Amino acid sequence: KYDAALKPLGVETLDHYTADWESSGHLYLTRIPGITVEQ
């Protein structure tokens, strides 16, 4: 649900499920391109 909503906006997320691995889905990390630590 998070991926479907956030990836199209350019929010960087981790790939939890691929052909090589399956995550335990512990944390949902996002990175916002271009923002500062303060932002």
Full PDB file with SEQRES, HELIX, SHEET, SSBOND, CRYST1, ORIGX, SCALE, CONECT and MASTER records, all heavy atoms in Angstrom:
SEQRES   1 A   39  LYS TYR ASP ALA ALA LEU LYS PRO LEU GLY VAL GLU THR          
SEQRES   2 A   39  LEU ASP HIS TYR THR ALA ASP TRP GLU SER SER GLY HIS          
SEQRES   3 A   39  LEU TYR LEU THR ARG ILE PRO GLY ILE THR VAL GLU GLN          
HELIX    1 AA1 TYR A    2  LEU A    6  1                                   5    
HELIX    2 AA2 LYS A    7  LEU A    9  5                                   3    
SHEET    1 AA1 2 GLU A  12  THR A  13  0                                        
SHEET    2 AA1 2 THR A  30  ARG A  31 -1                                        
CRYST1    1.000    1.000    1.000  90.00  90.00  90.00 P 1           1          
ORIGX1      1.000000  0.000000  0.000000        0.00000                         
ORIGX2      0.000000  1.000000  0.000000        0.00000                         
ORIGX3      0.000000  0.000000  1.000000        0.00000                         
SCALE1      1.000000  0.000000  0.000000        0.00000                         
SCALE2      0.000000  1.000000  0.000000        0.00000                         
SCALE3      0.000000  0.000000  1.000000        0.00000                         
ATOM      1  N   LYS A   1       0.832  -1.202   0.000  1.00  0.00           N  
ATOM      2  CA  LYS A   1       0.000   0.000   0.000  1.00  0.00           C  
ATOM      3  C   LYS A   1       0.872   1.259   0.000  1.00  0.00           C  
ATOM      4  O   LYS A   1       0.615   2.217  -0.749  1.00  0.00           O  
ATOM      5  CB  LYS A   1      -0.937   0.005   1.204  1.00  0.00           C  
ATOM      6  CG  LYS A   1      -2.068  -1.018   1.146  1.00  0.00           C  
ATOM      7  CD  LYS A   1      -2.899  -0.975   2.419  1.00  0.00           C  
ATOM      8  CE  LYS A   1      -3.972  -2.047   2.428  1.00  0.00           C  
ATOM      9  NZ  LYS A   1      -5.020  -1.822   1.419  1.00  0.00           N  
ATOM     10  N   TYR A   2       1.901   1.272   0.845  1.00  0.00           N  
ATOM     11  CA  TYR A   2       2.814   2.415   0.892  1.00  0.00           C  
ATOM     12  C   TYR A   2       3.510   2.603  -0.457  1.00  0.00           C  
ATOM     13  O   TYR A   2       3.597   3.717  -0.990  1.00  0.00           O  
ATOM     14  CB  TYR A   2       3.863   2.199   1.980  1.00  0.00           C  
ATOM     15  CG  TYR A   2       3.428   2.516   3.395  1.00  0.00           C  
ATOM     16  CD1 TYR A   2       4.062   1.893   4.475  1.00  0.00           C  
ATOM     17  CD2 TYR A   2       2.426   3.437   3.681  1.00  0.00           C  
ATOM     18  CE1 TYR A   2       3.705   2.192   5.792  1.00  0.00           C  
ATOM     19  CE2 TYR A   2       2.059   3.738   4.980  1.00  0.00           C  
ATOM     20  CZ  TYR A   2       2.704   3.109   6.040  1.00  0.00           C  
ATOM     21  OH  TYR A   2       2.350   3.403   7.328  1.00  0.00           O  
ATOM     22  N   ASP A   3       4.032   1.510  -1.009  1.00  0.00           N  
ATOM     23  CA  ASP A   3       4.754   1.586  -2.285  1.00  0.00           C  
ATOM     24  C   ASP A   3       3.875   2.167  -3.390  1.00  0.00           C  
ATOM     25  O   ASP A   3       4.304   3.034  -4.162  1.00  0.00           O  
ATOM     26  CB  ASP A   3       5.243   0.197  -2.706  1.00  0.00           C  
ATOM     27  CG  ASP A   3       6.497  -0.247  -1.981  1.00  0.00           C  
ATOM     28  OD1 ASP A   3       7.105   0.578  -1.270  1.00  0.00           O  
ATOM     29  OD2 ASP A   3       6.871  -1.435  -2.125  1.00  0.00           O  
ATOM     30  N   ALA A   4       2.650   1.676  -3.460  1.00  0.00           N  
ATOM     31  CA  ALA A   4       1.749   2.098  -4.528  1.00  0.00           C  
ATOM     32  C   ALA A   4       1.443   3.589  -4.451  1.00  0.00           C  
ATOM     33  O   ALA A   4       1.288   4.257  -5.485  1.00  0.00           O  
ATOM     34  CB  ALA A   4       0.445   1.297  -4.463  1.00  0.00           C  
ATOM     35  N   ALA A   5       1.402   4.126  -3.231  1.00  0.00           N  
ATOM     36  CA  ALA A   5       1.062   5.540  -3.060  1.00  0.00           C  
ATOM     37  C   ALA A   5       2.267   6.460  -3.173  1.00  0.00           C  
ATOM     38  O   ALA A   5       2.159   7.576  -3.697  1.00  0.00           O  
ATOM     39  CB  ALA A   5       0.396   5.739  -1.697  1.00  0.00           C  
ATOM     40  N   LEU A   6       3.425   6.016  -2.724  1.00  0.00           N  
ATOM     41  CA  LEU A   6       4.566   6.918  -2.572  1.00  0.00           C  
ATOM     42  C   LEU A   6       5.571   6.865  -3.724  1.00  0.00           C  
ATOM     43  O   LEU A   6       6.167   7.890  -4.082  1.00  0.00           O  
ATOM     44  CB  LEU A   6       5.273   6.636  -1.254  1.00  0.00           C  
ATOM     45  CG  LEU A   6       4.408   6.849   0.001  1.00  0.00           C  
ATOM     46  CD1 LEU A   6       5.183   6.443   1.252  1.00  0.00           C  
ATOM     47  CD2 LEU A   6       3.950   8.294   0.102  1.00  0.00           C  
ATOM     48  N   LYS A   7       5.796   5.700  -4.289  1.00  0.00           N  
ATOM     49  CA  LYS A   7       6.793   5.603  -5.360  1.00  0.00           C  
ATOM     50  C   LYS A   7       6.473   6.499  -6.556  1.00  0.00           C  
ATOM     51  O   LYS A   7       7.390   7.123  -7.127  1.00  0.00           O  
ATOM     52  CB  LYS A   7       6.968   4.151  -5.790  1.00  0.00           C  
ATOM     53  CG  LYS A   7       7.791   3.320  -4.811  1.00  0.00           C  
ATOM     54  CD  LYS A   7       8.109   1.941  -5.358  1.00  0.00           C  
ATOM     55  CE  LYS A   7       9.054   1.177  -4.435  1.00  0.00           C  
ATOM     56  NZ  LYS A   7       9.430  -0.146  -4.975  1.00  0.00           N  
ATOM     57  N   PRO A   8       5.207   6.603  -6.977  1.00  0.00           N  
ATOM     58  CA  PRO A   8       4.913   7.490  -8.122  1.00  0.00           C  
ATOM     59  C   PRO A   8       5.233   8.960  -7.871  1.00  0.00           C  
ATOM     60  O   PRO A   8       5.393   9.724  -8.816  1.00  0.00           O  
ATOM     61  CB  PRO A   8       3.402   7.292  -8.321  1.00  0.00           C  
ATOM     62  CG  PRO A   8       3.109   5.944  -7.769  1.00  0.00           C  
ATOM     63  CD  PRO A   8       4.022   5.812  -6.585  1.00  0.00           C  
ATOM     64  N   LEU A   9       5.365   9.350  -6.600  1.00  0.00           N  
ATOM     65  CA  LEU A   9       5.679  10.743  -6.266  1.00  0.00           C  
ATOM     66  C   LEU A   9       7.177  11.023  -6.281  1.00  0.00           C  
ATOM     67  O   LEU A   9       7.605  12.160  -6.078  1.00  0.00           O  
ATOM     68  CB  LEU A   9       5.124  11.086  -4.879  1.00  0.00           C  
ATOM     69  CG  LEU A   9       3.609  10.960  -4.681  1.00  0.00           C  
ATOM     70  CD1 LEU A   9       3.237  11.324  -3.248  1.00  0.00           C  
ATOM     71  CD2 LEU A   9       2.867  11.849  -5.673  1.00  0.00           C  
ATOM     72  N   GLY A  10       7.985   9.974  -6.467  1.00  0.00           N  
ATOM     73  CA  GLY A  10       9.436  10.144  -6.447  1.00  0.00           C  
ATOM     74  C   GLY A  10      10.055   9.885  -5.098  1.00  0.00           C  
ATOM     75  O   GLY A  10      11.263  10.088  -4.908  1.00  0.00           O  
ATOM     76  N   VAL A  11       9.253   9.435  -4.132  1.00  0.00           N  
ATOM     77  CA  VAL A  11       9.787   9.063  -2.829  1.00  0.00           C  
ATOM     78  C   VAL A  11      10.606   7.786  -2.999  1.00  0.00           C  
ATOM     79  O   VAL A  11      10.142   6.812  -3.607  1.00  0.00           O  
ATOM     80  CB  VAL A  11       8.652   8.829  -1.808  1.00  0.00           C  
ATOM     81  CG1 VAL A  11       9.207   8.325  -0.479  1.00  0.00           C  
ATOM     82  CG2 VAL A  11       7.856  10.114  -1.600  1.00  0.00           C  
ATOM     83  N   GLU A  12      11.832   7.794  -2.490  1.00  0.00           N  
ATOM     84  CA  GLU A  12      12.706   6.626  -2.619  1.00  0.00           C  
ATOM     85  C   GLU A  12      12.433   5.662  -1.474  1.00  0.00           C  
ATOM     86  O   GLU A  12      12.422   6.050  -0.301  1.00  0.00           O  
ATOM     87  CB  GLU A  12      14.168   7.061  -2.607  1.00  0.00           C  
ATOM     88  CG  GLU A  12      14.544   7.951  -3.786  1.00  0.00           C  
ATOM     89  CD  GLU A  12      15.971   8.447  -3.717  1.00  0.00           C  
ATOM     90  OE1 GLU A  12      16.716   8.015  -2.802  1.00  0.00           O  
ATOM     91  OE2 GLU A  12      16.357   9.278  -4.558  1.00  0.00           O  
ATOM     92  N   THR A  13      12.190   4.407  -1.816  1.00  0.00           N  
ATOM     93  CA  THR A  13      11.934   3.375  -0.807  1.00  0.00           C  
ATOM     94  C   THR A  13      12.804   2.163  -1.095  1.00  0.00           C  
ATOM     95  O   THR A  13      13.455   2.086  -2.149  1.00  0.00           O  
ATOM     96  CB  THR A  13      10.450   2.967  -0.810  1.00  0.00           C  
ATOM     97  OG1 THR A  13      10.144   2.312  -2.049  1.00  0.00           O  
ATOM     98  CG2 THR A  13       9.536   4.173  -0.643  1.00  0.00           C  
ATOM     99  N   LEU A  14      12.813   1.220  -0.180  1.00  0.00           N  
ATOM    100  CA  LEU A  14      13.590  -0.003  -0.353  1.00  0.00           C  
ATOM    101  C   LEU A  14      12.740  -1.072  -1.027  1.00  0.00           C  
ATOM    102  O   LEU A  14      11.523  -1.101  -0.860  1.00  0.00           O  
ATOM    103  CB  LEU A  14      14.077  -0.518   1.004  1.00  0.00           C  
ATOM    104  CG  LEU A  14      14.915   0.455   1.840  1.00  0.00           C  
ATOM    105  CD1 LEU A  14      15.266  -0.171   3.189  1.00  0.00           C  
ATOM    106  CD2 LEU A  14      16.178   0.869   1.101  1.00  0.00           C  
ATOM    107  N   ASP A  15      13.400  -1.955  -1.752  1.00  0.00           N  
ATOM    108  CA  ASP A  15      12.709  -3.080  -2.385  1.00  0.00           C  
ATOM    109  C   ASP A  15      12.683  -4.255  -1.402  1.00  0.00           C  
ATOM    110  O   ASP A  15      13.696  -4.908  -1.177  1.00  0.00           O  
ATOM    111  CB  ASP A  15      13.415  -3.488  -3.680  1.00  0.00           C  
ATOM    112  CG  ASP A  15      13.288  -2.432  -4.762  1.00  0.00           C  
ATOM    113  OD1 ASP A  15      12.222  -1.795  -4.831  1.00  0.00           O  
ATOM    114  OD2 ASP A  15      14.255  -2.241  -5.521  1.00  0.00           O  
ATOM    115  N   HIS A  16      11.510  -4.515  -0.851  1.00  0.00           N  
ATOM    116  CA  HIS A  16      11.391  -5.568   0.161  1.00  0.00           C  
ATOM    117  C   HIS A  16      11.203  -6.959  -0.435  1.00  0.00           C  
ATOM    118  O   HIS A  16      11.555  -7.954   0.202  1.00  0.00           O  
ATOM    119  CB  HIS A  16      10.216  -5.252   1.093  1.00  0.00           C  
ATOM    120  CG  HIS A  16      10.531  -4.211   2.118  1.00  0.00           C  
ATOM    121  ND1 HIS A  16      10.972  -4.518   3.389  1.00  0.00           N  
ATOM    122  CD2 HIS A  16      10.486  -2.856   2.064  1.00  0.00           C  
ATOM    123  CE1 HIS A  16      11.169  -3.409   4.069  1.00  0.00           C  
ATOM    124  NE2 HIS A  16      10.886  -2.380   3.287  1.00  0.00           N  
ATOM    125  N   TYR A  17      10.645  -7.023  -1.645  1.00  0.00           N  
ATOM    126  CA  TYR A  17      10.310  -8.325  -2.224  1.00  0.00           C  
ATOM    127  C   TYR A  17      10.762  -8.360  -3.679  1.00  0.00           C  
ATOM    128  O   TYR A  17      10.270  -7.598  -4.507  1.00  0.00           O  
ATOM    129  CB  TYR A  17       8.802  -8.581  -2.114  1.00  0.00           C  
ATOM    130  CG  TYR A  17       8.282  -8.391  -0.702  1.00  0.00           C  
ATOM    131  CD1 TYR A  17       7.686  -7.184  -0.321  1.00  0.00           C  
ATOM    132  CD2 TYR A  17       8.423  -9.390   0.256  1.00  0.00           C  
ATOM    133  CE1 TYR A  17       7.237  -6.992   0.973  1.00  0.00           C  
ATOM    134  CE2 TYR A  17       7.982  -9.203   1.562  1.00  0.00           C  
ATOM    135  CZ  TYR A  17       7.384  -7.997   1.915  1.00  0.00           C  
ATOM    136  OH  TYR A  17       6.954  -7.798   3.205  1.00  0.00           O  
ATOM    137  N   THR A  18      11.737  -9.231  -3.969  1.00  0.00           N  
ATOM    138  CA  THR A  18      12.269  -9.359  -5.325  1.00  0.00           C  
ATOM    139  C   THR A  18      12.444 -10.848  -5.631  1.00  0.00           C  
ATOM    140  O   THR A  18      12.156 -11.713  -4.796  1.00  0.00           O  
ATOM    141  CB  THR A  18      13.641  -8.662  -5.467  1.00  0.00           C  
ATOM    142  OG1 THR A  18      14.637  -9.436  -4.790  1.00  0.00           O  
ATOM    143  CG2 THR A  18      13.610  -7.245  -4.901  1.00  0.00           C  
ATOM    144  N   ALA A  19      12.956 -11.141  -6.811  1.00  0.00           N  
ATOM    145  CA  ALA A  19      13.214 -12.531  -7.193  1.00  0.00           C  
ATOM    146  C   ALA A  19      14.327 -13.142  -6.350  1.00  0.00           C  
ATOM    147  O   ALA A  19      14.400 -14.375  -6.199  1.00  0.00           O  
ATOM    148  CB  ALA A  19      13.576 -12.600  -8.676  1.00  0.00           C  
ATOM    149  N   ASP A  20      15.210 -12.310  -5.786  1.00  0.00           N  
ATOM    150  CA  ASP A  20      16.359 -12.812  -5.027  1.00  0.00           C  
ATOM    151  C   ASP A  20      16.117 -12.895  -3.529  1.00  0.00           C  
ATOM    152  O   ASP A  20      16.759 -13.689  -2.847  1.00  0.00           O  
ATOM    153  CB  ASP A  20      17.584 -11.930  -5.277  1.00  0.00           C  
ATOM    154  CG  ASP A  20      18.108 -12.053  -6.696  1.00  0.00           C  
ATOM    155  OD1 ASP A  20      18.024 -13.164  -7.250  1.00  0.00           O  
ATOM    156  OD2 ASP A  20      18.582 -11.047  -7.243  1.00  0.00           O  
ATOM    157  N   TRP A  21      15.239 -12.045  -3.012  1.00  0.00           N  
ATOM    158  CA  TRP A  21      15.025 -12.053  -1.569  1.00  0.00           C  
ATOM    159  C   TRP A  21      13.588 -11.724  -1.201  1.00  0.00           C  
ATOM    160  O   TRP A  21      12.840 -11.155  -1.990  1.00  0.00           O  
ATOM    161  CB  TRP A  21      15.976 -11.071  -0.874  1.00  0.00           C  
ATOM    162  CG  TRP A  21      15.724  -9.623  -1.184  1.00  0.00           C  
ATOM    163  CD1 TRP A  21      14.758  -8.813  -0.640  1.00  0.00           C  
ATOM    164  CD2 TRP A  21      16.444  -8.802  -2.109  1.00  0.00           C  
ATOM    165  NE1 TRP A  21      14.840  -7.545  -1.165  1.00  0.00           N  
ATOM    166  CE2 TRP A  21      15.858  -7.511  -2.074  1.00  0.00           C  
ATOM    167  CE3 TRP A  21      17.527  -9.031  -2.946  1.00  0.00           C  
ATOM    168  CZ2 TRP A  21      16.332  -6.463  -2.854  1.00  0.00           C  
ATOM    169  CZ3 TRP A  21      17.979  -7.986  -3.735  1.00  0.00           C  
ATOM    170  CH2 TRP A  21      17.399  -6.723  -3.680  1.00  0.00           C  
ATOM    171  N   GLU A  22      13.247 -12.114   0.016  1.00  0.00           N  
ATOM    172  CA  GLU A  22      11.957 -11.787   0.602  1.00  0.00           C  
ATOM    173  C   GLU A  22      12.217 -11.188   1.973  1.00  0.00           C  
ATOM    174  O   GLU A  22      12.827 -11.825   2.838  1.00  0.00           O  
ATOM    175  CB  GLU A  22      11.086 -13.038   0.711  1.00  0.00           C  
ATOM    176  CG  GLU A  22       9.688 -12.782   1.226  1.00  0.00           C  
ATOM    177  CD  GLU A  22       8.823 -14.020   1.202  1.00  0.00           C  
ATOM    178  OE1 GLU A  22       9.061 -14.886   0.332  1.00  0.00           O  
ATOM    179  OE2 GLU A  22       7.925 -14.138   2.054  1.00  0.00           O  
ATOM    180  N   SER A  23      11.781  -9.971   2.177  1.00  0.00           N  
ATOM    181  CA  SER A  23      12.016  -9.257   3.426  1.00  0.00           C  
ATOM    182  C   SER A  23      11.084  -9.753   4.529  1.00  0.00           C  
ATOM    183  O   SER A  23      10.034 -10.337   4.270  1.00  0.00           O  
ATOM    184  CB  SER A  23      11.795  -7.762   3.188  1.00  0.00           C  
ATOM    185  OG  SER A  23      11.766  -7.033   4.385  1.00  0.00           O  
ATOM    186  N   SER A  24      11.467  -9.469   5.765  1.00  0.00           N  
ATOM    187  CA  SER A  24      10.558  -9.686   6.892  1.00  0.00           C  
ATOM    188  C   SER A  24       9.635  -8.481   7.065  1.00  0.00           C  
ATOM    189  O   SER A  24       8.738  -8.504   7.911  1.00  0.00           O  
ATOM    190  CB  SER A  24      11.356  -9.905   8.188  1.00  0.00           C  
ATOM    191  OG  SER A  24      12.021  -8.702   8.559  1.00  0.00           O  
ATOM    192  N   GLY A  25       9.867  -7.431   6.275  1.00  0.00           N  
ATOM    193  CA  GLY A  25       9.016  -6.249   6.327  1.00  0.00           C  
ATOM    194  C   GLY A  25       9.069  -5.535   7.664  1.00  0.00           C  
ATOM    195  O   GLY A  25       8.045  -5.081   8.177  1.00  0.00           O  
ATOM    196  N   HIS A  26      10.259  -5.389   8.213  1.00  0.00           N  
ATOM    197  CA  HIS A  26      10.349  -4.813   9.550  1.00  0.00           C  
ATOM    198  C   HIS A  26      10.178  -3.297   9.570  1.00  0.00           C  
ATOM    199  O   HIS A  26       9.471  -2.761  10.433  1.00  0.00           O  
ATOM    200  CB  HIS A  26      11.672  -5.184  10.213  1.00  0.00           C  
ATOM    201  CG  HIS A  26      11.838  -4.578  11.568  1.00  0.00           C  
ATOM    202  ND1 HIS A  26      10.909  -4.750  12.569  1.00  0.00           N  
ATOM    203  CD2 HIS A  26      12.799  -3.775  12.097  1.00  0.00           C  
ATOM    204  CE1 HIS A  26      11.294  -4.089  13.648  1.00  0.00           C  
ATOM    205  NE2 HIS A  26      12.432  -3.489  13.384  1.00  0.00           N  
ATOM    206  N   LEU A  27      10.849  -2.598   8.669  1.00  0.00           N  
ATOM    207  CA  LEU A  27      10.794  -1.129   8.661  1.00  0.00           C  
ATOM    208  C   LEU A  27      10.481  -0.618   7.263  1.00  0.00           C  
ATOM    209  O   LEU A  27      10.922  -1.203   6.269  1.00  0.00           O  
ATOM    210  CB  LEU A  27      12.137  -0.537   9.107  1.00  0.00           C  
ATOM    211  CG  LEU A  27      12.576  -0.761  10.550  1.00  0.00           C  
ATOM    212  CD1 LEU A  27      14.013  -0.272  10.739  1.00  0.00           C  
ATOM    213  CD2 LEU A  27      11.638  -0.053  11.524  1.00  0.00           C  
ATOM    214  N   TYR A  28       9.759   0.512   7.209  1.00  0.00           N  
ATOM    215  CA  TYR A  28       9.493   1.150   5.923  1.00  0.00           C  
ATOM    216  C   TYR A  28      10.245   2.474   5.876  1.00  0.00           C  
ATOM    217  O   TYR A  28       9.783   3.504   6.361  1.00  0.00           O  
ATOM    218  CB  TYR A  28       8.001   1.378   5.703  1.00  0.00           C  
ATOM    219  CG  TYR A  28       7.691   1.728   4.263  1.00  0.00           C  
ATOM    220  CD1 TYR A  28       7.566   0.729   3.299  1.00  0.00           C  
ATOM    221  CD2 TYR A  28       7.559   3.055   3.858  1.00  0.00           C  
ATOM    222  CE1 TYR A  28       7.312   1.051   1.972  1.00  0.00           C  
ATOM    223  CE2 TYR A  28       7.302   3.379   2.536  1.00  0.00           C  
ATOM    224  CZ  TYR A  28       7.182   2.377   1.595  1.00  0.00           C  
ATOM    225  OH  TYR A  28       6.941   2.684   0.276  1.00  0.00           O  
ATOM    226  N   LEU A  29      11.454   2.422   5.300  1.00  0.00           N  
ATOM    227  CA  LEU A  29      12.300   3.598   5.168  1.00  0.00           C  
ATOM    228  C   LEU A  29      11.960   4.346   3.886  1.00  0.00           C  
ATOM    229  O   LEU A  29      11.766   3.733   2.836  1.00  0.00           O  
ATOM    230  CB  LEU A  29      13.778   3.206   5.138  1.00  0.00           C  
ATOM    231  CG  LEU A  29      14.471   2.911   6.466  1.00  0.00           C  
ATOM    232  CD1 LEU A  29      13.948   1.632   7.097  1.00  0.00           C  
ATOM    233  CD2 LEU A  29      15.988   2.805   6.272  1.00  0.00           C  
ATOM    234  N   THR A  30      11.892   5.673   3.983  1.00  0.00           N  
ATOM    235  CA  THR A  30      11.712   6.508   2.797  1.00  0.00           C  
ATOM    236  C   THR A  30      12.812   7.560   2.764  1.00  0.00           C  
ATOM    237  O   THR A  30      13.333   7.960   3.808  1.00  0.00           O  
ATOM    238  CB  THR A  30      10.344   7.223   2.796  1.00  0.00           C  
ATOM    239  OG1 THR A  30      10.330   8.244   3.808  1.00  0.00           O  
ATOM    240  CG2 THR A  30       9.203   6.239   3.051  1.00  0.00           C  
ATOM    241  N   ARG A  31      13.152   7.995   1.554  1.00  0.00           N  
ATOM    242  CA  ARG A  31      14.070   9.114   1.388  1.00  0.00           C  
ATOM    243  C   ARG A  31      13.409  10.133   0.476  1.00  0.00           C  
ATOM    244  O   ARG A  31      12.837   9.774  -0.560  1.00  0.00           O  
ATOM    245  CB  ARG A  31      15.406   8.663   0.811  1.00  0.00           C  
ATOM    246  CG  ARG A  31      16.218   7.784   1.765  1.00  0.00           C  
ATOM    247  CD  ARG A  31      17.566   7.440   1.174  1.00  0.00           C  
ATOM    248  NE  ARG A  31      18.406   8.631   1.024  1.00  0.00           N  
ATOM    249  CZ  ARG A  31      19.374   8.748   0.123  1.00  0.00           C  
ATOM    250  NH1 ARG A  31      19.629   7.763  -0.723  1.00  0.00           N  
ATOM    251  NH2 ARG A  31      20.103   9.849   0.056  1.00  0.00           N  
ATOM    252  N   ILE A  32      13.500  11.389   0.881  1.00  0.00           N  
ATOM    253  CA  ILE A  32      12.869  12.478   0.142  1.00  0.00           C  
ATOM    254  C   ILE A  32      13.955  13.247  -0.604  1.00  0.00           C  
ATOM    255  O   ILE A  32      14.735  13.987   0.007  1.00  0.00           O  
ATOM    256  CB  ILE A  32      12.106  13.433   1.088  1.00  0.00           C  
ATOM    257  CG1 ILE A  32      11.276  12.638   2.109  1.00  0.00           C  
ATOM    258  CG2 ILE A  32      11.243  14.386   0.278  1.00  0.00           C  
ATOM    259  CD1 ILE A  32      10.316  11.652   1.490  1.00  0.00           C  
ATOM    260  N   PRO A  33      14.052  13.088  -1.916  1.00  0.00           N  
ATOM    261  CA  PRO A  33      15.124  13.733  -2.681  1.00  0.00           C  
ATOM    262  C   PRO A  33      15.131  15.250  -2.502  1.00  0.00           C  
ATOM    263  O   PRO A  33      14.093  15.912  -2.546  1.00  0.00           O  
ATOM    264  CB  PRO A  33      14.792  13.359  -4.132  1.00  0.00           C  
ATOM    265  CG  PRO A  33      13.984  12.101  -4.022  1.00  0.00           C  
ATOM    266  CD  PRO A  33      13.175  12.263  -2.772  1.00  0.00           C  
ATOM    267  N   GLY A  34      16.334  15.773  -2.260  1.00  0.00           N  
ATOM    268  CA  GLY A  34      16.519  17.220  -2.258  1.00  0.00           C  
ATOM    269  C   GLY A  34      16.280  17.938  -0.947  1.00  0.00           C  
ATOM    270  O   GLY A  34      16.572  19.130  -0.850  1.00  0.00           O  
ATOM    271  N   ILE A  35      15.772  17.256   0.082  1.00  0.00           N  
ATOM    272  CA  ILE A  35      15.514  17.968   1.334  1.00  0.00           C  
ATOM    273  C   ILE A  35      16.756  17.950   2.223  1.00  0.00           C  
ATOM    274  O   ILE A  35      17.640  17.108   2.083  1.00  0.00           O  
ATOM    275  CB  ILE A  35      14.309  17.401   2.101  1.00  0.00           C  
ATOM    276  CG1 ILE A  35      14.585  15.966   2.598  1.00  0.00           C  
ATOM    277  CG2 ILE A  35      13.047  17.464   1.269  1.00  0.00           C  
ATOM    278  CD1 ILE A  35      13.531  15.462   3.580  1.00  0.00           C  
ATOM    279  N   THR A  36      16.801  18.891   3.160  1.00  0.00           N  
ATOM    280  CA  THR A  36      17.899  18.994   4.112  1.00  0.00           C  
ATOM    281  C   THR A  36      17.546  18.247   5.396  1.00  0.00           C  
ATOM    282  O   THR A  36      16.398  17.824   5.594  1.00  0.00           O  
ATOM    283  CB  THR A  36      18.172  20.462   4.462  1.00  0.00           C  
ATOM    284  OG1 THR A  36      17.005  20.995   5.131  1.00  0.00           O  
ATOM    285  CG2 THR A  36      18.470  21.280   3.214  1.00  0.00           C  
ATOM    286  N   VAL A  37      18.533  18.119   6.268  1.00  0.00           N  
ATOM    287  CA  VAL A  37      18.287  17.511   7.583  1.00  0.00           C  
ATOM    288  C   VAL A  37      17.216  18.299   8.328  1.00  0.00           C  
ATOM    289  O   VAL A  37      16.315  17.717   8.952  1.00  0.00           O  
ATOM    290  CB  VAL A  37      19.588  17.460   8.404  1.00  0.00           C  
ATOM    291  CG1 VAL A  37      19.294  17.051   9.851  1.00  0.00           C  
ATOM    292  CG2 VAL A  37      20.593  16.496   7.778  1.00  0.00           C  
ATOM    293  N   GLU A  38      17.304  19.614   8.257  1.00  0.00           N  
ATOM    294  CA  GLU A  38      16.339  20.461   8.959  1.00  0.00           C  
ATOM    295  C   GLU A  38      14.923  20.263   8.407  1.00  0.00           C  
ATOM    296  O   GLU A  38      13.948  20.184   9.170  1.00  0.00           O  
ATOM    297  CB  GLU A  38      16.745  21.928   8.856  1.00  0.00           C  
ATOM    298  CG  GLU A  38      18.031  22.294   9.591  1.00  0.00           C  
ATOM    299  CD  GLU A  38      19.290  21.798   8.901  1.00  0.00           C  
ATOM    300  OE1 GLU A  38      19.254  21.544   7.666  1.00  0.00           O  
ATOM    301  OE2 GLU A  38      20.318  21.642   9.594  1.00  0.00           O  
ATOM    302  N   GLN A  39      14.814  20.159   7.103  1.00  0.00           N  
ATOM    303  CA  GLN A  39      13.500  19.927   6.497  1.00  0.00           C  
ATOM    304  C   GLN A  39      12.973  18.537   6.849  1.00  0.00           C  
ATOM    305  O   GLN A  39      11.771  18.375   7.089  1.00  0.00           O  
ATOM    306  CB  GLN A  39      13.601  20.097   4.974  1.00  0.00           C  
ATOM    307  CG  GLN A  39      13.807  21.534   4.527  1.00  0.00           C  
ATOM    308  CD  GLN A  39      14.056  21.645   3.038  1.00  0.00           C  
ATOM    309  OE1 GLN A  39      14.775  20.834   2.449  1.00  0.00           O  
ATOM    310  NE2 GLN A  39      13.475  22.661   2.409  1.00  0.00           N  
TER     311      GLN A  39                                                      
MASTER        0    0    0    2    2    0    0    6  310    1    0    3          
END                                                                             
